[in-house]
PDB file of N, CA and C in Angstrom:
ATOM      1  N   MET A   1      -8.663  -3.049 -23.934  1.00  0.00           N
ATOM      2  CA  MET A   1      -9.362  -3.722 -24.911  1.00  0.00           C
ATOM      3  C   MET A   1      -9.152  -4.298 -25.861  1.00  0.00           C
ATOM      4  N   ARG A   2      -8.469  -3.782 -26.835  1.00  0.00           N
ATOM      5  CA  ARG A   2      -7.301  -3.894 -27.311  1.00  0.00           C
ATOM      6  C   ARG A   2      -6.857  -5.960 -26.838  1.00  0.00           C
ATOM      7  N   LEU A   3      -6.189  -6.290 -26.084  1.00  0.00           N
ATOM      8  CA  LEU A   3      -5.646  -7.527 -25.168  1.00  0.00           C
ATOM      9  C   LEU A   3      -7.201  -8.535 -25.552  1.00  0.00           C
ATOM     10  N   ALA A   4      -8.301  -7.890 -24.745  1.00  0.00           N
ATOM     11  CA  ALA A   4      -8.841  -8.768 -24.895  1.00  0.00           C
ATOM     12  C   ALA A   4      -9.688  -9.590 -26.224  1.00  0.00           C
ATOM     13  N   GLN A   5      -8.993  -8.217 -27.529  1.00  0.00           N
ATOM     14  CA  GLN A   5      -9.644  -8.780 -28.396  1.00  0.00           C
ATOM     15  C   GLN A   5      -8.088 -10.040 -28.863  1.00  0.00           C
ATOM     16  N   ARG A   6      -7.384  -9.656 -28.833  1.00  0.00           N
ATOM     17  CA  ARG A   6      -6.012 -10.114 -29.078  1.00  0.00           C
ATOM     18  C   ARG A   6      -5.736 -11.386 -28.392  1.00  0.00           C
ATOM     19  N   ARG A   7      -6.116 -11.549 -27.150  1.00  0.00           N
ATOM     20  CA  ARG A   7      -5.483 -12.772 -26.287  1.00  0.00           C
ATOM     21  C   ARG A   7      -6.541 -13.115 -25.871  1.00  0.00           C
ATOM     22  N   GLY A   8      -7.803 -12.787 -25.526  1.00  0.00           N
ATOM     23  CA  GLY A   8      -9.059 -13.390 -24.705  1.00  0.00           C
ATOM     24  C   GLY A   8      -9.232 -12.456 -23.827  1.00  0.00           C
ATOM     25  N   ALA A   9     -10.793 -12.699 -23.448  1.00  0.00           N
ATOM     26  CA  ALA A   9     -11.863 -12.055 -22.052  1.00  0.00           C
ATOM     27  C   ALA A   9     -10.745 -12.457 -21.063  1.00  0.00           C
ATOM     28  N   ARG A  10     -10.981 -13.918 -20.663  1.00  0.00           N
ATOM     29  CA  ARG A  10     -10.100 -14.055 -19.568  1.00  0.00           C
ATOM     30  C   ARG A  10      -8.764 -13.736 -19.562  1.00  0.00           C
ATOM     31  N   ARG A  11      -7.810 -13.411 -20.221  1.00  0.00           N
ATOM     32  CA  ARG A  11      -6.511 -13.367 -20.339  1.00  0.00           C
ATOM     33  C   ARG A  11      -6.657 -11.813 -19.966  1.00  0.00           C
ATOM     34  N   ALA A  12      -7.433 -11.456 -20.099  1.00  0.00           N
ATOM     35  CA  ALA A  12      -7.181  -9.583 -20.366  1.00  0.00           C
ATOM     36  C   ALA A  12      -7.613  -9.481 -18.876  1.00  0.00           C
ATOM     37  N   LYS A  13      -8.797 -10.417 -18.284  1.00  0.00           N
ATOM     38  CA  LYS A  13      -8.967  -9.925 -16.785  1.00  0.00           C
ATOM     39  C   LYS A  13      -8.229 -10.425 -15.937  1.00  0.00           C
ATOM     40  N   VAL A  14      -7.509 -11.737 -16.437  1.00  0.00           N
ATOM     41  CA  VAL A  14      -6.080 -11.625 -15.192  1.00  0.00           C
ATOM     42  C   VAL A  14      -4.760 -10.861 -15.093  1.00  0.00           C
ATOM     43  N   ALA A  15      -4.500 -10.306 -16.837  1.00  0.00           N
ATOM     44  CA  ALA A  15      -3.716  -8.977 -16.373  1.00  0.00           C
ATOM     45  C   ALA A  15      -3.918  -7.540 -15.434  1.00  0.00           C
ATOM     46  N   LEU A  16      -5.207  -7.517 -16.007  1.00  0.00           N
ATOM     47  CA  LEU A  16      -5.263  -6.452 -15.028  1.00  0.00           C
ATOM     48  C   LEU A  16      -5.328  -6.743 -13.844  1.00  0.00           C
ATOM     49  N   VAL A  17      -6.076  -8.006 -12.842  1.00  0.00           N
ATOM     50  CA  VAL A  17      -6.477  -8.232 -11.756  1.00  0.00           C
ATOM     51  C   VAL A  17      -5.060  -8.254 -11.066  1.00  0.00           C
ATOM     52  N   ARG A  18      -4.106  -8.959 -12.125  1.00  0.00           N
ATOM     53  CA  ARG A  18      -1.994  -8.457 -11.844  1.00  0.00           C
ATOM     54  C   ARG A  18      -1.718  -6.823 -11.715  1.00  0.00           C
ATOM     55  N   LYS A  19      -2.313  -6.162 -12.383  1.00  0.00           N
ATOM     56  CA  LYS A  19      -1.696  -5.284 -12.566  1.00  0.00           C
ATOM     57  C   LYS A  19      -1.993  -4.761 -11.263  1.00  0.00           C
ATOM     58  N   LEU A  20      -3.371  -4.225 -10.971  1.00  0.00           N
ATOM     59  CA  LEU A  20      -3.739  -3.557  -9.938  1.00  0.00           C
ATOM     60  C   LEU A  20      -3.027  -4.506  -8.478  1.00  0.00           C
ATOM     61  N   ALA A  21      -3.148  -5.545  -8.133  1.00  0.00           N
ATOM     62  CA  ALA A  21      -2.432  -6.241  -7.287  1.00  0.00           C
ATOM     63  C   ALA A  21      -0.884  -5.607  -6.697  1.00  0.00           C
ATOM     64  N   GLY A  22      -0.417  -5.594  -8.144  1.00  0.00           N
ATOM     65  CA  GLY A  22       1.038  -4.783  -8.173  1.00  0.00           C
ATOM     66  C   GLY A  22       0.848  -3.778  -6.863  1.00  0.00           C
ATOM     67  N   ILE A  23      -0.033  -2.729  -7.938  1.00  0.00           N
ATOM     68  CA  ILE A  23      -0.176  -1.335  -7.459  1.00  0.00           C
ATOM     69  C   ILE A  23      -0.800  -1.544  -6.006  1.00  0.00           C
ATOM     70  N   LEU A  24      -1.406  -2.477  -5.193  1.00  0.00           N
ATOM     71  CA  LEU A  24      -2.241  -2.314  -4.091  1.00  0.00           C
ATOM     72  C   LEU A  24      -1.007  -2.694  -3.386  1.00  0.00           C
ATOM     73  N   HIS A  25       0.053  -3.940  -3.604  1.00  0.00           N
ATOM     74  CA  HIS A  25       0.849  -4.384  -2.718  1.00  0.00           C
ATOM     75  C   HIS A  25       1.990  -3.390  -2.531  1.00  0.00           C
ATOM     76  N   ARG A  26       2.294  -2.319  -3.640  1.00  0.00           N
ATOM     77  CA  ARG A  26       2.868  -1.287  -3.513  1.00  0.00           C
ATOM     78  C   ARG A  26       2.836  -0.152  -2.498  1.00  0.00           C
ATOM     79  N   MET A  27       1.219  -0.259  -2.479  1.00  0.00           N
ATOM     80  CA  MET A  27       0.687   0.801  -1.485  1.00  0.00           C
ATOM     81  C   MET A  27       0.768   0.357  -0.083  1.00  0.00           C
ATOM     82  N   TRP A  28       0.774  -0.393  -0.092  1.00  0.00           N
ATOM     83  CA  TRP A  28       0.226  -1.438   1.096  1.00  0.00           C
ATOM     84  C   TRP A  28       2.447  -1.369   2.139  1.00  0.00           C
ATOM     85  N   VAL A  29       2.964  -1.882   1.082  1.00  0.00           N
ATOM     86  CA  VAL A  29       4.218  -1.570   1.754  1.00  0.00           C
ATOM     87  C   VAL A  29       4.762  -0.239   2.134  1.00  0.00           C
ATOM     88  N   SER A  30       4.685   0.415   1.183  1.00  0.00           N
ATOM     89  CA  SER A  30       5.079   1.675   1.530  1.00  0.00           C
ATOM     90  C   SER A  30       4.465   2.503   2.340  1.00  0.00           C
ATOM     91  N   GLY A  31       3.173   1.911   2.810  1.00  0.00           N
ATOM     92  CA  GLY A  31       2.157   2.572   3.628  1.00  0.00           C
ATOM     93  C   GLY A  31       1.205   4.061   2.941  1.00  0.00           C
ATOM     94  N   SER A  32       1.603   3.987   1.834  1.00  0.00           N
ATOM     95  CA  SER A  32       0.810   4.808   0.881  1.00  0.00           C
ATOM     96  C   SER A  32      -0.800   5.620   1.123  1.00  0.00           C
ATOM     97  N   ASP A  33      -1.228   6.260   0.551  1.00  0.00           N
ATOM     98  CA  ASP A  33      -2.666   6.357   0.574  1.00  0.00           C
ATOM     99  C   ASP A  33      -2.705   6.534  -0.717  1.00  0.00           C
ATOM    100  N   PHE A  34      -4.313   5.957  -1.358  1.00  0.00           N
ATOM    101  CA  PHE A  34      -4.810   6.465  -2.873  1.00  0.00           C
ATOM    102  C   PHE A  34      -4.642   7.709  -2.848  1.00  0.00           C
ATOM    103  N   ARG A  35      -4.122   7.722  -3.970  1.00  0.00           N
ATOM    104  CA  ARG A  35      -4.718   9.280  -4.485  1.00  0.00           C
ATOM    105  C   ARG A  35      -5.164   9.533  -5.904  1.00  0.00           C
ATOM    106  N   SER A  36      -6.269   9.904  -6.110  1.00  0.00           N
ATOM    107  CA  SER A  36      -7.352  10.042  -7.389  1.00  0.00           C
ATOM    108  C   SER A  36      -6.500  10.743  -7.975  1.00  0.00           C
ATOM    109  N   GLY A  37      -5.937  10.341  -9.525  1.00  0.00           N
ATOM    110  CA  GLY A  37      -6.187  11.410 -10.571  1.00  0.00           C
ATOM    111  C   GLY A  37      -4.169  11.948 -10.573  1.00  0.00           C
ATOM    112  N   ALA A  38      -3.562  10.863  -9.581  1.00  0.00           N
ATOM    113  CA  ALA A  38      -2.015  11.332  -9.230  1.00  0.00           C
ATOM    114  C   ALA A  38      -1.116  10.311 -10.256  1.00  0.00           C
ATOM    115  N   PRO A  39      -0.457  11.075 -10.907  1.00  0.00           N
ATOM    116  CA  PRO A  39       0.475  10.307 -12.227  1.00  0.00           C
ATOM    117  C   PRO A  39       1.257   9.099 -11.615  1.00  0.00           C
ATOM    118  N   ALA A  40       1.391   8.407 -12.011  1.00  0.00           N
ATOM    119  CA  ALA A  40       1.810   6.427 -12.407  1.00  0.00           C
ATOM    120  C   ALA A  40       3.154   7.057 -11.740  1.00  0.00           C
ATOM    121  N   ALA A  41       4.174   7.900 -11.732  1.00  0.00           N
ATOM    122  CA  ALA A  41       5.620   7.966 -11.024  1.00  0.00           C
ATOM    123  C   ALA A  41       5.914   8.100 -10.202  1.00  0.00           C
ATOM    124  N   ALA A  42       4.126   9.115  -9.665  1.00  0.00           N
ATOM    125  CA  ALA A  42       4.369  10.041  -8.287  1.00  0.00           C
ATOM    126  C   ALA A  42       4.189   8.726  -7.466  1.00  0.00           C
ATOM    127  N   MET A  43       3.448   7.454  -7.959  1.00  0.00           N
ATOM    128  CA  MET A  43       3.237   6.049  -6.987  1.00  0.00           C
ATOM    129  C   MET A  43       4.805   5.930  -6.889  1.00  0.00           C
ATOM    130  N   GLU A  44       5.735   6.049  -7.486  1.00  0.00           N
ATOM    131  CA  GLU A  44       7.150   5.244  -6.741  1.00  0.00           C
ATOM    132  C   GLU A  44       8.053   6.064  -6.404  1.00  0.00           C
ATOM    133  N   GLY A  45       8.963   5.250  -5.187  1.00  0.00           N
ATOM    134  CA  GLY A  45       9.502   5.752  -4.716  1.00  0.00           C
ATOM    135  C   GLY A  45       9.365   6.319  -3.507  1.00  0.00           C
TER     136      GLY A  45
END
């Protein structure tokens, strides 16, 4: 929300979409499943 206030709602949306795309791409490449509540560090590796 702070990004939306500083840079505008459109940029905040694009930033969120890019972040999610990066996470989904890592999951796809590694073949891992979604783990609800898992810390971000657990996704790496």
